[in-house]
Protein backbone atom coordinates (compact mmCIF):
# COMPACT_ATOMS: atom_id res chain seq x y z
CA MET A 1 46.71 16.55 6.59
CA VAL A 2 45.65 20.19 6.61
CA VAL A 3 43.50 21.56 9.39
CA TRP A 4 42.11 25.08 9.33
CA VAL A 5 39.85 26.43 12.05
CA VAL A 6 38.40 29.91 12.45
CA MET A 7 35.87 30.83 15.09
CA LYS A 8 33.77 33.97 14.98
CA LYS A 9 34.40 36.60 17.64
CA ASP A 10 31.06 38.34 17.32
CA ARG A 11 27.86 38.19 15.29
CA GLU A 12 29.28 40.54 12.66
CA ALA A 13 32.52 38.57 12.21
CA MET A 14 31.36 35.81 9.89
CA ILE A 15 33.94 33.85 7.95
CA GLU A 16 34.24 34.62 4.27
CA LEU A 17 35.48 31.49 2.56
CA ASP A 18 38.30 32.18 0.13
CA ASN A 19 38.38 30.31 -3.16
CA GLN A 20 40.90 27.74 -1.95
CA THR A 21 38.92 26.89 1.19
CA LEU A 22 35.63 26.78 -0.70
CA ARG A 23 37.18 24.38 -3.19
CA GLN A 24 38.34 22.15 -0.33
CA VAL A 25 34.77 22.07 1.01
CA GLN A 26 33.45 21.18 -2.44
CA MET A 27 35.91 18.31 -2.82
CA ILE A 28 34.87 16.87 0.55
CA GLN A 29 31.25 17.10 -0.56
CA LEU A 30 32.21 15.34 -3.79
CA GLU A 31 33.42 12.40 -1.68
CA MET A 32 29.97 12.26 -0.09
CA LEU A 33 28.22 12.35 -3.47
CA GLU A 34 30.36 9.41 -4.52
CA GLU A 35 29.37 7.57 -1.34
CA VAL A 36 25.67 8.19 -2.06
CA ASP A 37 26.15 6.90 -5.59
CA ARG A 38 28.02 3.81 -4.35
CA ILE A 39 25.33 2.90 -1.83
CA CYS A 40 22.50 3.53 -4.27
CA LYS A 41 24.08 1.40 -6.97
CA LYS A 42 24.75 -1.44 -4.55
CA CYS A 43 21.23 -1.34 -3.07
CA ASN A 44 19.31 -0.52 -6.28
CA ILE A 45 18.13 2.87 -5.00
CA HIS A 46 17.09 5.59 -7.43
CA TYR A 47 18.36 9.14 -6.75
CA ASN A 48 19.11 12.38 -8.58
CA ILE A 49 21.44 15.29 -8.11
CA ILE A 50 19.19 18.35 -8.18
CA ALA A 51 18.99 22.13 -7.80
CA GLY A 52 22.33 23.96 -7.88
CA THR A 53 24.25 20.70 -8.14
CA LEU A 54 22.48 19.75 -11.37
CA LEU A 55 22.72 23.34 -12.60
CA GLY A 56 26.44 23.26 -11.92
CA ALA A 57 26.81 20.02 -13.85
CA VAL A 58 25.00 21.46 -16.88
CA ARG A 59 26.42 25.00 -16.86
CA HIS A 60 29.89 24.51 -15.36
CA GLY A 61 30.63 20.80 -15.63
CA GLY A 62 30.83 20.68 -11.84
CA TYR A 63 30.29 23.00 -8.93
CA ILE A 64 28.94 26.47 -9.47
CA PRO A 65 32.15 28.32 -8.51
CA TRP A 66 30.61 30.07 -5.52
CA ASP A 67 28.38 27.19 -4.34
CA ASP A 68 29.07 25.71 -0.91
CA ASP A 69 26.57 22.83 -0.81
CA ALA A 70 25.35 19.84 -2.79
CA ASP A 71 21.84 18.44 -3.14
CA VAL A 72 20.49 14.94 -3.71
CA ALA A 73 16.78 14.05 -3.92
CA LEU A 74 14.91 10.75 -3.74
CA LEU A 75 11.23 9.98 -3.96
CA ARG A 76 9.97 9.01 -0.49
CA GLU A 77 10.14 5.23 -0.95
CA GLU A 78 13.70 5.51 -2.24
CA TYR A 79 14.66 7.91 0.55
CA GLU A 80 13.53 5.40 3.18
CA LYS A 81 15.51 2.66 1.43
CA PHE A 82 18.58 4.89 1.43
CA ARG A 83 18.13 5.76 5.08
CA GLU A 84 17.99 2.07 5.98
CA ALA A 85 20.94 1.24 3.73
CA CYS A 86 23.08 3.79 5.57
CA LYS A 87 22.75 1.68 8.73
CA THR A 88 24.72 -1.16 7.17
CA GLU A 89 26.40 0.15 4.01
CA LEU A 90 27.68 3.62 4.92
CA ASP A 91 31.44 3.97 5.35
CA THR A 92 31.23 5.09 8.98
CA SER A 93 34.98 5.58 9.18
CA ARG A 94 34.46 8.71 7.05
CA PHE A 95 30.80 9.67 7.11
CA TYR A 96 27.66 9.86 9.23
CA PHE A 97 24.03 10.31 8.26
CA GLN A 98 21.67 12.55 10.23
CA ASP A 99 17.96 13.08 10.30
CA HIS A 100 15.49 13.81 13.08
CA ARG A 101 14.91 10.10 13.72
CA ASN A 102 18.50 9.30 14.64
CA THR A 103 19.88 12.64 15.88
CA LYS A 104 18.55 14.35 18.99
CA GLY A 105 17.80 18.02 18.46
CA TYR A 106 17.96 17.83 14.66
CA ARG A 107 15.23 20.14 13.40
CA TRP A 108 15.06 19.61 9.64
CA GLY A 109 12.58 17.48 7.71
CA TYR A 110 15.27 15.96 5.51
CA GLY A 111 18.62 14.26 5.98
CA LYS A 112 22.26 15.29 5.80
CA LEU A 113 25.28 13.17 5.04
CA ARG A 114 28.31 14.61 6.86
CA ARG A 115 32.06 14.11 6.83
CA LYS A 116 33.62 12.96 10.07
CA ASN A 117 36.35 15.07 11.69
CA THR A 118 35.21 18.27 9.98
CA LEU A 119 33.25 21.29 11.15
CA PHE A 120 30.95 23.59 9.20
CA LEU A 121 28.89 25.79 11.51
CA ARG A 122 26.24 27.88 9.82
CA GLU A 123 25.57 31.30 11.29
CA HIS A 124 23.11 31.22 14.23
CA GLN A 125 23.21 27.42 14.43
CA GLU A 126 26.13 27.18 16.83
CA HIS A 127 23.79 26.25 19.70
CA MET A 128 22.20 23.29 17.94
CA PRO A 129 22.95 20.15 20.00
CA TYR A 130 24.42 17.81 17.39
CA LYS A 131 27.60 17.36 15.35
CA GLN A 132 27.85 19.70 12.38
CA GLY A 133 30.45 18.52 9.92
CA ILE A 134 30.71 19.46 6.26
CA PHE A 135 27.59 18.05 4.61
CA ILE A 136 25.39 17.43 1.62
CA ASP A 137 21.60 17.54 1.80
CA ILE A 138 19.56 14.39 1.18
CA PHE A 139 15.98 15.39 0.34
CA PRO A 140 12.85 13.19 0.38
CA LEU A 141 10.15 14.03 -2.15
CA ASP A 142 6.51 13.52 -1.16
CA SER A 143 3.28 13.69 -3.11
CA VAL A 144 1.30 16.93 -3.16
CA PRO A 145 -2.15 17.52 -4.69
CA ASP A 146 -2.35 17.97 -8.43
CA ASN A 147 -5.17 20.47 -7.92
CA TYR A 148 -3.58 23.90 -7.65
CA MET A 149 -5.85 25.23 -4.91
CA LEU A 150 -5.30 22.16 -2.74
CA ARG A 151 -1.60 22.34 -3.44
CA SER A 152 -1.58 25.98 -2.33
CA ILE A 153 -3.25 25.00 0.94
CA LYS A 154 -0.69 22.23 1.37
CA ASN A 155 2.06 24.77 0.80
CA PHE A 156 0.74 26.91 3.65
CA GLU A 157 0.64 23.87 5.92
CA CYS A 158 4.26 23.09 4.98
CA PHE A 159 5.22 26.69 5.67
CA CYS A 160 3.70 26.60 9.17
CA VAL A 161 5.39 23.34 10.16
CA ARG A 162 8.69 24.51 8.69
CA LYS A 163 8.58 27.70 10.76
CA LEU A 164 7.86 25.68 13.90
CA LEU A 165 10.99 23.64 13.22
CA TRP A 166 12.99 26.74 12.31
CA SER A 167 11.99 28.52 15.53
CA LYS A 168 15.00 27.13 17.40
CA VAL A 169 17.19 29.10 14.99
CA GLY A 170 14.76 31.89 14.14
CA LYS A 171 14.57 33.13 17.73
CA ILE A 172 18.23 34.07 17.34
CA ALA A 173 18.66 34.62 13.62
CA ASP A 174 15.72 36.79 12.59
CA LYS A 175 16.67 40.44 12.10
CA LYS A 176 13.33 41.75 13.37
CA TRP A 177 12.92 41.86 17.15
CA TYR A 178 9.21 41.06 17.04
CA MET A 179 9.86 38.01 14.86
CA ARG A 180 12.49 36.80 17.31
CA LYS A 181 9.85 37.07 20.01
CA TRP A 182 7.36 35.20 17.86
CA PHE A 183 9.88 32.41 17.20
CA ARG A 184 10.58 32.19 20.94
CA LEU A 185 6.89 31.45 21.42
CA LEU A 186 6.87 28.90 18.61
CA ASP A 187 9.92 27.23 20.14
CA LYS A 188 7.81 26.30 23.17
CA VAL A 189 5.85 23.81 21.05
CA PRO A 190 7.30 20.37 21.94
CA GLU A 191 9.58 19.07 19.21
CA LYS A 192 8.11 15.58 19.37
CA GLU A 193 4.63 16.99 18.67
CA ILE A 194 5.88 18.88 15.63
CA PHE A 195 7.47 15.75 14.20
CA ARG A 196 4.40 13.68 15.05
CA TYR A 197 2.38 16.09 12.92
CA TYR A 198 5.06 15.97 10.21
CA HIS A 199 4.99 12.16 10.11
CA ASN A 200 1.22 12.30 9.66
CA MET A 201 1.73 14.76 6.81
CA VAL A 202 4.14 12.37 5.11
CA HIS A 203 1.85 9.37 5.62
CA ASN A 204 -1.21 11.17 4.27
CA ALA A 205 0.69 12.72 1.37
CA ASN A 206 1.79 9.38 -0.01
CA LYS A 207 -1.54 7.56 0.15
CA LYS A 208 -1.98 8.59 -3.47
CA LYS A 209 0.60 8.78 -6.25
CA THR A 210 0.20 12.26 -7.70
CA ARG A 211 1.72 13.99 -10.69
CA MET A 212 3.34 16.60 -8.43
CA VAL A 213 5.85 16.15 -5.60
CA ARG A 214 7.93 18.39 -3.38
CA ILE A 215 10.26 18.53 -0.39
CA LEU A 216 7.68 19.23 2.31
CA MET A 217 10.10 21.00 4.64
CA PHE A 218 11.87 23.15 2.07
CA PRO A 219 10.50 26.15 0.17
CA THR A 220 9.53 25.76 -3.47
CA PRO A 221 11.00 28.37 -5.84
CA ASN A 222 7.83 29.71 -7.38
CA SER A 223 4.05 29.79 -7.08
CA GLU A 224 3.58 26.28 -8.45
CA TYR A 225 4.39 24.77 -5.00
CA GLY A 226 5.59 21.52 -6.51
CA TYR A 227 7.63 19.73 -9.16
CA TYR A 228 6.71 17.08 -11.71
CA ARG A 229 7.23 13.53 -10.45
CA ASN A 230 8.40 12.25 -13.83
CA TRP A 231 11.46 14.52 -13.64
CA TYR A 232 12.73 12.43 -10.72
CA GLU A 233 11.68 9.10 -12.20
CA CYS A 234 13.61 9.51 -15.45
CA SER A 235 17.35 9.92 -14.94
CA GLN A 236 20.52 9.79 -16.97
CA ASP A 237 24.25 9.65 -16.36
CA THR A 238 25.37 13.18 -15.55
CA VAL A 239 29.01 14.27 -15.37
CA PHE A 240 29.83 16.40 -12.35
CA GLU A 241 33.44 17.25 -11.49
CA GLY A 242 34.61 14.45 -13.76
CA LYS A 243 32.46 11.88 -11.91
CA VAL A 244 29.25 10.28 -13.17
CA PHE A 245 26.10 10.62 -11.07
CA GLN A 246 22.39 10.21 -11.72
CA GLY A 247 20.73 13.44 -12.79
CA ILE A 248 17.33 14.43 -14.14
CA LYS A 249 17.11 13.43 -17.81
CA ASP A 250 14.85 16.33 -18.81
CA TYR A 251 17.17 18.78 -17.11
CA ASP A 252 16.21 21.63 -19.43
CA SER A 253 12.55 21.59 -18.35
CA TYR A 254 13.47 21.15 -14.69
CA LEU A 255 16.14 23.86 -14.59
CA SER A 256 14.00 26.28 -16.61
CA PHE A 257 11.12 25.67 -14.20
CA LYS A 258 13.32 26.25 -11.17
CA PHE A 259 15.74 28.95 -12.34
CA GLY A 260 14.30 30.50 -15.50
CA ASP A 261 17.14 31.31 -17.94
CA TYR A 262 19.51 29.02 -16.10
CA MET A 263 22.46 29.47 -18.46
CA GLU A 264 22.70 33.16 -17.61
CA LEU A 265 25.01 33.89 -14.68
CA PRO A 266 23.46 35.86 -11.79
CA PRO A 267 24.82 39.31 -10.91
CA VAL A 268 28.00 39.27 -8.85
CA GLU A 269 26.18 40.55 -5.76
CA GLN A 270 23.93 37.48 -5.81
CA ARG A 271 26.80 34.99 -5.90
CA LYS A 272 26.87 34.36 -2.18
CA VAL A 273 27.78 31.47 0.08
CA HIS A 274 26.07 30.74 3.39
CA PRO A 275 27.43 32.67 6.38
CA VAL A 276 29.77 30.45 8.39
CA SER A 277 30.97 31.03 11.94
CA ALA A 278 33.39 28.11 12.26
CA ILE A 279 35.02 25.68 9.89
CA ARG A 280 37.52 22.85 10.14
CA ILE A 281 38.79 21.01 7.09
CA LEU A 282 40.87 17.84 7.17
């Protein structure tokens, strides 16, 4: 067993993960991806690896070398099935699942699967009142209007609610003093009222099955403010780090939509990992 812990001494002293440590984080996340796949297969739940995880599978055969997270997405009905399945099927000797419905103080509109007995503190989130082990993101996808104007309005609504949730971090993290003040004001809005509004958003969004979907509480990468539902409905076996997971079948259209020329490596200065203030790896 190897344990490595580094704590920041000041706001400028963030940890820079070396290649060996980053690879250890990725391998722990790979365990969690395998656990998601195991549960979904057992419970007949449809999921996809997405975003940088799918890009890594296509371009690198596994992790993007400098990537420090992994992403899974499920359409809302499947997400709720997965969330329920975690209550009885999750290997709780190794993992725990978090979202705002089971974790006090959790401020994100999507879930995280975390590894027990690890620590991965993102910069400016040290004060958040819940366990923060090494994790992968589990994203729900909800319907958004097919009409572009209505979808743009929905995007603004998502932005506002997301900033209300982010305020707990933004009041510390934002570089501009006046924005920190603004987030301090937003942070006075009761958390339960924000999530009550969010639950209404989710309920209303899924009254109609639309052609477009999105993660409501996560930014979209371009001015379309949504993704095509059929991308997430049609999957295929996708090799990632020598393991087989479910990935978007029409990955070329999806990755081109999200990243543009996705086979071209970004400039070195853009190959960044998230700032970390404390980490413990078992």
